[in-house]
Structures are given as C-alpha cells and as structure tokens.
Amino acid sequence: MTIKMLFTPNGPIAVSGDLSELKLTDSTGQPIDVSGERKIFLCRCGGSVTKPFCDGTHTAIGFQAAEAAVMSQG
C-alpha cells in the first residue's frame, strides 16, 4: 500500500498507508518507531510538545499554513 501525505488546511500532515515502510528519524538521526500505526499526524506549526507528532496546538495558536497565509494577503 502506498504511503500518502495529506497537508490538512492549517493543520498537520496526515500520513497514511503501509507505515512499516516509512523511515522516520528525529533531528539527531534516531529512528522513530511508527510500526503498527495506520495513520500519523505530523506537526507543521512548530508548537507541538509531542514533535514530530501533532498534539492539536495549531488550533490554540491560530496557525496558518504558508499556502493559506499567502492567499489571504492578496
């Protein structure tokens, strides 16, 4: 099954598919185990305390994804 990434509007990146094939590492190169997961949500706002995973902080801080911010500046 193909790994798919969906950039949700003003929210996290939803990653789904055969995550056993996903090689996810932290900033020091250490592997992050997502085996057994069917879907994960990666933080885009930078405010999550569970990085690289989303904890919903984007809603509390009013995060606007770059594509949304560029369009609203019109």
PDB file of N, CA and C in Angstrom:
ATOM      1  N   MET A   1       0.844  -1.181   0.000  1.00  0.00           N
ATOM      2  CA  MET A   1       0.000   0.000   0.000  1.00  0.00           C
ATOM      3  C   MET A   1       0.893   1.251   0.000  1.00  0.00           C
ATOM      4  N   THR A   2       0.579   2.174  -0.843  1.00  0.00           N
ATOM      5  CA  THR A   2       1.346   3.402  -0.990  1.00  0.00           C
ATOM      6  C   THR A   2       1.220   4.283   0.244  1.00  0.00           C
ATOM      7  N   ILE A   3       2.307   4.923   0.627  1.00  0.00           N
ATOM      8  CA  ILE A   3       2.269   5.901   1.706  1.00  0.00           C
ATOM      9  C   ILE A   3       1.762   7.212   1.118  1.00  0.00           C
ATOM     10  N   LYS A   4       0.747   7.791   1.755  1.00  0.00           N
ATOM     11  CA  LYS A   4       0.163   9.040   1.279  1.00  0.00           C
ATOM     12  C   LYS A   4       0.331  10.123   2.330  1.00  0.00           C
ATOM     13  N   MET A   5       0.558  11.349   1.864  1.00  0.00           N
ATOM     14  CA  MET A   5       0.665  12.502   2.757  1.00  0.00           C
ATOM     15  C   MET A   5      -0.378  13.523   2.340  1.00  0.00           C
ATOM     16  N   LEU A   6      -1.151  13.985   3.318  1.00  0.00           N
ATOM     17  CA  LEU A   6      -2.172  14.994   3.069  1.00  0.00           C
ATOM     18  C   LEU A   6      -1.866  16.196   3.948  1.00  0.00           C
ATOM     19  N   PHE A   7      -1.640  17.345   3.330  1.00  0.00           N
ATOM     20  CA  PHE A   7      -1.402  18.577   4.076  1.00  0.00           C
ATOM     21  C   PHE A   7      -2.764  19.170   4.389  1.00  0.00           C
ATOM     22  N   THR A   8      -3.204  19.004   5.635  1.00  0.00           N
ATOM     23  CA  THR A   8      -4.532  19.468   6.005  1.00  0.00           C
ATOM     24  C   THR A   8      -4.543  20.991   6.115  1.00  0.00           C
ATOM     25  N   PRO A   9      -5.665  21.615   5.799  1.00  0.00           N
ATOM     26  CA  PRO A   9      -5.733  23.079   5.854  1.00  0.00           C
ATOM     27  C   PRO A   9      -5.428  23.603   7.265  1.00  0.00           C
ATOM     28  N   ASN A  10      -4.366  24.387   7.382  1.00  0.00           N
ATOM     29  CA  ASN A  10      -3.958  24.988   8.655  1.00  0.00           C
ATOM     30  C   ASN A  10      -3.795  23.974   9.774  1.00  0.00           C
ATOM     31  N   GLY A  11      -3.383  22.779   9.407  1.00  0.00           N
ATOM     32  CA  GLY A  11      -3.212  21.722  10.402  1.00  0.00           C
ATOM     33  C   GLY A  11      -2.027  20.840  10.062  1.00  0.00           C
ATOM     34  N   PRO A  12      -2.034  19.633  10.604  1.00  0.00           N
ATOM     35  CA  PRO A  12      -0.889  18.743  10.457  1.00  0.00           C
ATOM     36  C   PRO A  12      -0.826  18.075   9.087  1.00  0.00           C
ATOM     37  N   ILE A  13       0.241  17.335   8.890  1.00  0.00           N
ATOM     38  CA  ILE A  13       0.380  16.475   7.724  1.00  0.00           C
ATOM     39  C   ILE A  13      -0.113  15.096   8.150  1.00  0.00           C
ATOM     40  N   ALA A  14      -1.164  14.614   7.485  1.00  0.00           N
ATOM     41  CA  ALA A  14      -1.689  13.284   7.762  1.00  0.00           C
ATOM     42  C   ALA A  14      -0.945  12.293   6.871  1.00  0.00           C
ATOM     43  N   VAL A  15      -0.314  11.298   7.482  1.00  0.00           N
ATOM     44  CA  VAL A  15       0.453  10.293   6.751  1.00  0.00           C
ATOM     45  C   VAL A  15      -0.232   8.948   6.973  1.00  0.00           C
ATOM     46  N   SER A  16      -0.581   8.284   5.860  1.00  0.00           N
ATOM     47  CA  SER A  16      -1.272   7.003   5.971  1.00  0.00           C
ATOM     48  C   SER A  16      -0.717   6.027   4.940  1.00  0.00           C
ATOM     49  N   GLY A  17      -1.049   4.769   5.112  1.00  0.00           N
ATOM     50  CA  GLY A  17      -0.587   3.718   4.216  1.00  0.00           C
ATOM     51  C   GLY A  17       0.195   2.683   4.993  1.00  0.00           C
ATOM     52  N   ASP A  18       1.093   1.999   4.296  1.00  0.00           N
ATOM     53  CA  ASP A  18       1.918   0.979   4.930  1.00  0.00           C
ATOM     54  C   ASP A  18       3.071   1.662   5.653  1.00  0.00           C
ATOM     55  N   LEU A  19       2.820   2.093   6.879  1.00  0.00           N
ATOM     56  CA  LEU A  19       3.828   2.866   7.615  1.00  0.00           C
ATOM     57  C   LEU A  19       5.015   2.027   8.058  1.00  0.00           C
ATOM     58  N   SER A  20       4.930   0.716   7.897  1.00  0.00           N
ATOM     59  CA  SER A  20       6.108  -0.111   8.199  1.00  0.00           C
ATOM     60  C   SER A  20       7.225   0.188   7.195  1.00  0.00           C
ATOM     61  N   GLU A  21       6.885   0.767   6.062  1.00  0.00           N
ATOM     62  CA  GLU A  21       7.868   1.148   5.043  1.00  0.00           C
ATOM     63  C   GLU A  21       8.423   2.557   5.260  1.00  0.00           C
ATOM     64  N   LEU A  22       7.823   3.308   6.174  1.00  0.00           N
ATOM     65  CA  LEU A  22       8.236   4.697   6.423  1.00  0.00           C
ATOM     66  C   LEU A  22       9.457   4.729   7.334  1.00  0.00           C
ATOM     67  N   LYS A  23      10.487   5.424   6.908  1.00  0.00           N
ATOM     68  CA  LYS A  23      11.691   5.613   7.726  1.00  0.00           C
ATOM     69  C   LYS A  23      11.640   7.021   8.289  1.00  0.00           C
ATOM     70  N   LEU A  24      11.239   7.145   9.529  1.00  0.00           N
ATOM     71  CA  LEU A  24      11.087   8.431  10.197  1.00  0.00           C
ATOM     72  C   LEU A  24      12.183   8.549  11.251  1.00  0.00           C
ATOM     73  N   THR A  25      12.942   9.662  11.210  1.00  0.00           N
ATOM     74  CA  THR A  25      14.014   9.862  12.184  1.00  0.00           C
ATOM     75  C   THR A  25      13.868  11.233  12.835  1.00  0.00           C
ATOM     76  N   ASP A  26      14.413  11.366  14.039  1.00  0.00           N
ATOM     77  CA  ASP A  26      14.387  12.660  14.723  1.00  0.00           C
ATOM     78  C   ASP A  26      15.571  13.507  14.259  1.00  0.00           C
ATOM     79  N   SER A  27      15.725  14.673  14.844  1.00  0.00           N
ATOM     80  CA  SER A  27      16.760  15.612  14.407  1.00  0.00           C
ATOM     81  C   SER A  27      18.181  15.111  14.646  1.00  0.00           C
ATOM     82  N   THR A  28      18.325  14.088  15.486  1.00  0.00           N
ATOM     83  CA  THR A  28      19.653  13.525  15.730  1.00  0.00           C
ATOM     84  C   THR A  28      19.902  12.266  14.909  1.00  0.00           C
ATOM     85  N   GLY A  29      18.924  11.891  14.082  1.00  0.00           N
ATOM     86  CA  GLY A  29      19.063  10.706  13.248  1.00  0.00           C
ATOM     87  C   GLY A  29      18.558   9.431  13.880  1.00  0.00           C
ATOM     88  N   GLN A  30      18.020   9.537  15.095  1.00  0.00           N
ATOM     89  CA  GLN A  30      17.492   8.353  15.763  1.00  0.00           C
ATOM     90  C   GLN A  30      16.145   7.971  15.151  1.00  0.00           C
ATOM     91  N   PRO A  31      15.924   6.680  14.912  1.00  0.00           N
ATOM     92  CA  PRO A  31      14.663   6.256  14.316  1.00  0.00           C
ATOM     93  C   PRO A  31      13.483   6.469  15.261  1.00  0.00           C
ATOM     94  N   ILE A  32      12.351   6.811  14.681  1.00  0.00           N
ATOM     95  CA  ILE A  32      11.092   6.935  15.421  1.00  0.00           C
ATOM     96  C   ILE A  32      10.207   5.789  14.950  1.00  0.00           C
ATOM     97  N   ASP A  33       9.839   4.917  15.863  1.00  0.00           N
ATOM     98  CA  ASP A  33       9.073   3.720  15.524  1.00  0.00           C
ATOM     99  C   ASP A  33       7.593   4.051  15.351  1.00  0.00           C
ATOM    100  N   VAL A  34       7.092   3.866  14.145  1.00  0.00           N
ATOM    101  CA  VAL A  34       5.657   4.050  13.880  1.00  0.00           C
ATOM    102  C   VAL A  34       5.035   2.739  13.397  1.00  0.00           C
ATOM    103  N   SER A  35       5.766   1.614  13.601  1.00  0.00           N
ATOM    104  CA  SER A  35       5.236   0.326  13.183  1.00  0.00           C
ATOM    105  C   SER A  35       3.952   0.047  13.957  1.00  0.00           C
ATOM    106  N   GLY A  36       3.013  -0.531  13.288  1.00  0.00           N
ATOM    107  CA  GLY A  36       1.729  -0.828  13.906  1.00  0.00           C
ATOM    108  C   GLY A  36       0.731   0.303  13.778  1.00  0.00           C
ATOM    109  N   GLU A  37       1.193   1.478  13.396  1.00  0.00           N
ATOM    110  CA  GLU A  37       0.286   2.611  13.203  1.00  0.00           C
ATOM    111  C   GLU A  37      -0.290   2.565  11.791  1.00  0.00           C
ATOM    112  N   ARG A  38      -1.535   3.004  11.643  1.00  0.00           N
ATOM    113  CA  ARG A  38      -2.167   3.057  10.326  1.00  0.00           C
ATOM    114  C   ARG A  38      -2.164   4.483   9.776  1.00  0.00           C
ATOM    115  N   LYS A  39      -2.111   5.463  10.689  1.00  0.00           N
ATOM    116  CA  LYS A  39      -2.108   6.864  10.291  1.00  0.00           C
ATOM    117  C   LYS A  39      -1.428   7.656  11.388  1.00  0.00           C
ATOM    118  N   ILE A  40      -0.584   8.609  10.978  1.00  0.00           N
ATOM    119  CA  ILE A  40       0.046   9.508  11.942  1.00  0.00           C
ATOM    120  C   ILE A  40      -0.169  10.937  11.467  1.00  0.00           C
ATOM    121  N   PHE A  41      -0.063  11.868  12.393  1.00  0.00           N
ATOM    122  CA  PHE A  41      -0.231  13.276  12.077  1.00  0.00           C
ATOM    123  C   PHE A  41       1.030  14.010  12.510  1.00  0.00           C
ATOM    124  N   LEU A  42       1.713  14.611  11.545  1.00  0.00           N
ATOM    125  CA  LEU A  42       2.969  15.311  11.813  1.00  0.00           C
ATOM    126  C   LEU A  42       2.721  16.804  11.969  1.00  0.00           C
ATOM    127  N   CYS A  43       3.347  17.387  12.972  1.00  0.00           N
ATOM    128  CA  CYS A  43       3.191  18.810  13.275  1.00  0.00           C
ATOM    129  C   CYS A  43       3.766  19.677  12.166  1.00  0.00           C
ATOM    130  N   ARG A  44       3.024  20.723  11.795  1.00  0.00           N
ATOM    131  CA  ARG A  44       3.528  21.735  10.855  1.00  0.00           C
ATOM    132  C   ARG A  44       3.668  23.093  11.516  1.00  0.00           C
ATOM    133  N   CYS A  45       3.036  23.293  12.661  1.00  0.00           N
ATOM    134  CA  CYS A  45       3.021  24.627  13.263  1.00  0.00           C
ATOM    135  C   CYS A  45       4.252  24.900  14.118  1.00  0.00           C
ATOM    136  N   GLY A  46       4.927  23.859  14.566  1.00  0.00           N
ATOM    137  CA  GLY A  46       6.108  24.010  15.404  1.00  0.00           C
ATOM    138  C   GLY A  46       5.804  24.106  16.888  1.00  0.00           C
ATOM    139  N   GLY A  47       4.530  24.122  17.265  1.00  0.00           N
ATOM    140  CA  GLY A  47       4.170  24.308  18.658  1.00  0.00           C
ATOM    141  C   GLY A  47       3.891  23.045  19.445  1.00  0.00           C
ATOM    142  N   SER A  48       3.848  21.913  18.793  1.00  0.00           N
ATOM    143  CA  SER A  48       3.517  20.664  19.472  1.00  0.00           C
ATOM    144  C   SER A  48       4.575  20.294  20.504  1.00  0.00           C
ATOM    145  N   VAL A  49       4.129  19.782  21.643  1.00  0.00           N
ATOM    146  CA  VAL A  49       5.080  19.284  22.639  1.00  0.00           C
ATOM    147  C   VAL A  49       5.387  17.803  22.408  1.00  0.00           C
ATOM    148  N   THR A  50       4.744  17.206  21.408  1.00  0.00           N
ATOM    149  CA  THR A  50       4.977  15.800  21.077  1.00  0.00           C
ATOM    150  C   THR A  50       5.619  15.665  19.693  1.00  0.00           C
ATOM    151  N   LYS A  51       6.418  16.681  19.295  1.00  0.00           N
ATOM    152  CA  LYS A  51       7.056  16.655  17.977  1.00  0.00           C
ATOM    153  C   LYS A  51       7.771  15.335  17.755  1.00  0.00           C
ATOM    154  N   PRO A  52       7.732  14.790  16.581  1.00  0.00           N
ATOM    155  CA  PRO A  52       7.238  15.387  15.349  1.00  0.00           C
ATOM    156  C   PRO A  52       5.731  15.245  15.159  1.00  0.00           C
ATOM    157  N   PHE A  53       5.060  14.704  16.168  1.00  0.00           N
ATOM    158  CA  PHE A  53       3.627  14.444  16.027  1.00  0.00           C
ATOM    159  C   PHE A  53       2.792  15.647  16.465  1.00  0.00           C
ATOM    160  N   CYS A  54       1.633  15.775  15.868  1.00  0.00           N
ATOM    161  CA  CYS A  54       0.707  16.862  16.183  1.00  0.00           C
ATOM    162  C   CYS A  54       0.000  16.572  17.503  1.00  0.00           C
ATOM    163  N   ASP A  55      -0.149  17.605  18.325  1.00  0.00           N
ATOM    164  CA  ASP A  55      -0.923  17.467  19.564  1.00  0.00           C
ATOM    165  C   ASP A  55      -2.119  18.426  19.591  1.00  0.00           C
ATOM    166  N   GLY A  56      -2.395  19.068  18.454  1.00  0.00           N
ATOM    167  CA  GLY A  56      -3.542  19.972  18.365  1.00  0.00           C
ATOM    168  C   GLY A  56      -3.230  21.415  18.702  1.00  0.00           C
ATOM    169  N   THR A  57      -1.986  21.727  19.033  1.00  0.00           N
ATOM    170  CA  THR A  57      -1.604  23.089  19.407  1.00  0.00           C
ATOM    171  C   THR A  57      -1.923  24.092  18.305  1.00  0.00           C
ATOM    172  N   HIS A  58      -1.894  23.658  17.042  1.00  0.00           N
ATOM    173  CA  HIS A  58      -2.142  24.575  15.925  1.00  0.00           C
ATOM    174  C   HIS A  58      -3.474  25.308  16.060  1.00  0.00           C
ATOM    175  N   THR A  59      -4.467  24.665  16.645  1.00  0.00           N
ATOM    176  CA  THR A  59      -5.766  25.322  16.810  1.00  0.00           C
ATOM    177  C   THR A  59      -5.707  26.401  17.885  1.00  0.00           C
ATOM    178  N   ALA A  60      -4.942  26.166  18.942  1.00  0.00           N
ATOM    179  CA  ALA A  60      -4.848  27.127  20.043  1.00  0.00           C
ATOM    180  C   ALA A  60      -4.038  28.367  19.672  1.00  0.00           C
ATOM    181  N   ILE A  61      -3.059  28.204  18.770  1.00  0.00           N
ATOM    182  CA  ILE A  61      -2.193  29.335  18.439  1.00  0.00           C
ATOM    183  C   ILE A  61      -2.590  30.036  17.141  1.00  0.00           C
ATOM    184  N   GLY A  62      -3.655  29.552  16.496  1.00  0.00           N
ATOM    185  CA  GLY A  62      -4.131  30.193  15.272  1.00  0.00           C
ATOM    186  C   GLY A  62      -3.197  30.004  14.092  1.00  0.00           C
ATOM    187  N   PHE A  63      -2.562  28.845  14.018  1.00  0.00           N
ATOM    188  CA  PHE A  63      -1.616  28.553  12.937  1.00  0.00           C
ATOM    189  C   PHE A  63      -2.275  28.693  11.571  1.00  0.00           C
ATOM    190  N   GLN A  64      -1.583  29.370  10.670  1.00  0.00           N
ATOM    191  CA  GLN A  64      -1.992  29.431   9.275  1.00  0.00           C
ATOM    192  C   GLN A  64      -0.863  28.874   8.436  1.00  0.00           C
ATOM    193  N   ALA A  65      -1.170  27.839   7.670  1.00  0.00           N
ATOM    194  CA  ALA A  65      -0.171  27.235   6.800  1.00  0.00           C
ATOM    195  C   ALA A  65       0.263  28.252   5.757  1.00  0.00           C
ATOM    196  N   ALA A  66       1.475  28.120   5.278  1.00  0.00           N
ATOM    197  CA  ALA A  66       2.028  29.085   4.330  1.00  0.00           C
ATOM    198  C   ALA A  66       1.118  29.296   3.130  1.00  0.00           C
ATOM    199  N   GLU A  67       0.561  28.233   2.584  1.00  0.00           N
ATOM    200  CA  GLU A  67      -0.291  28.392   1.412  1.00  0.00           C
ATOM    201  C   GLU A  67      -1.543  29.212   1.743  1.00  0.00           C
ATOM    202  N   ALA A  68      -2.070  29.087   2.934  1.00  0.00           N
ATOM    203  CA  ALA A  68      -3.243  29.861   3.336  1.00  0.00           C
ATOM    204  C   ALA A  68      -2.864  31.320   3.602  1.00  0.00           C
ATOM    205  N   ALA A  69      -1.722  31.532   4.236  1.00  0.00           N
ATOM    206  CA  ALA A  69      -1.282  32.882   4.551  1.00  0.00           C
ATOM    207  C   ALA A  69      -0.990  33.667   3.283  1.00  0.00           C
ATOM    208  N   VAL A  70      -0.388  33.036   2.297  1.00  0.00           N
ATOM    209  CA  VAL A  70      -0.067  33.717   1.038  1.00  0.00           C
ATOM    210  C   VAL A  70      -1.351  34.128   0.334  1.00  0.00           C
ATOM    211  N   MET A  71      -2.349  33.260   0.289  1.00  0.00           N
ATOM    212  CA  MET A  71      -3.600  33.571  -0.380  1.00  0.00           C
ATOM    213  C   MET A  71      -4.346  34.697   0.318  1.00  0.00           C
ATOM    214  N   SER A  72      -4.305  34.759   1.650  1.00  0.00           N
ATOM    215  CA  SER A  72      -5.070  35.758   2.380  1.00  0.00           C
ATOM    216  C   SER A  72      -4.445  37.157   2.291  1.00  0.00           C
ATOM    217  N   GLN A  73      -3.162  37.253   1.931  1.00  0.00           N
ATOM    218  CA  GLN A  73      -2.503  38.550   1.830  1.00  0.00           C
ATOM    219  C   GLN A  73      -2.894  39.287   0.562  1.00  0.00           C
ATOM    220  N   GLY A  74      -3.369  38.553  -0.453  1.00  0.00           N
ATOM    221  CA  GLY A  74      -3.851  39.042  -1.730  1.00  0.00           C
ATOM    222  C   GLY A  74      -3.501  40.366  -2.091  1.00  0.00           C
TER     223      GLY A  74
END
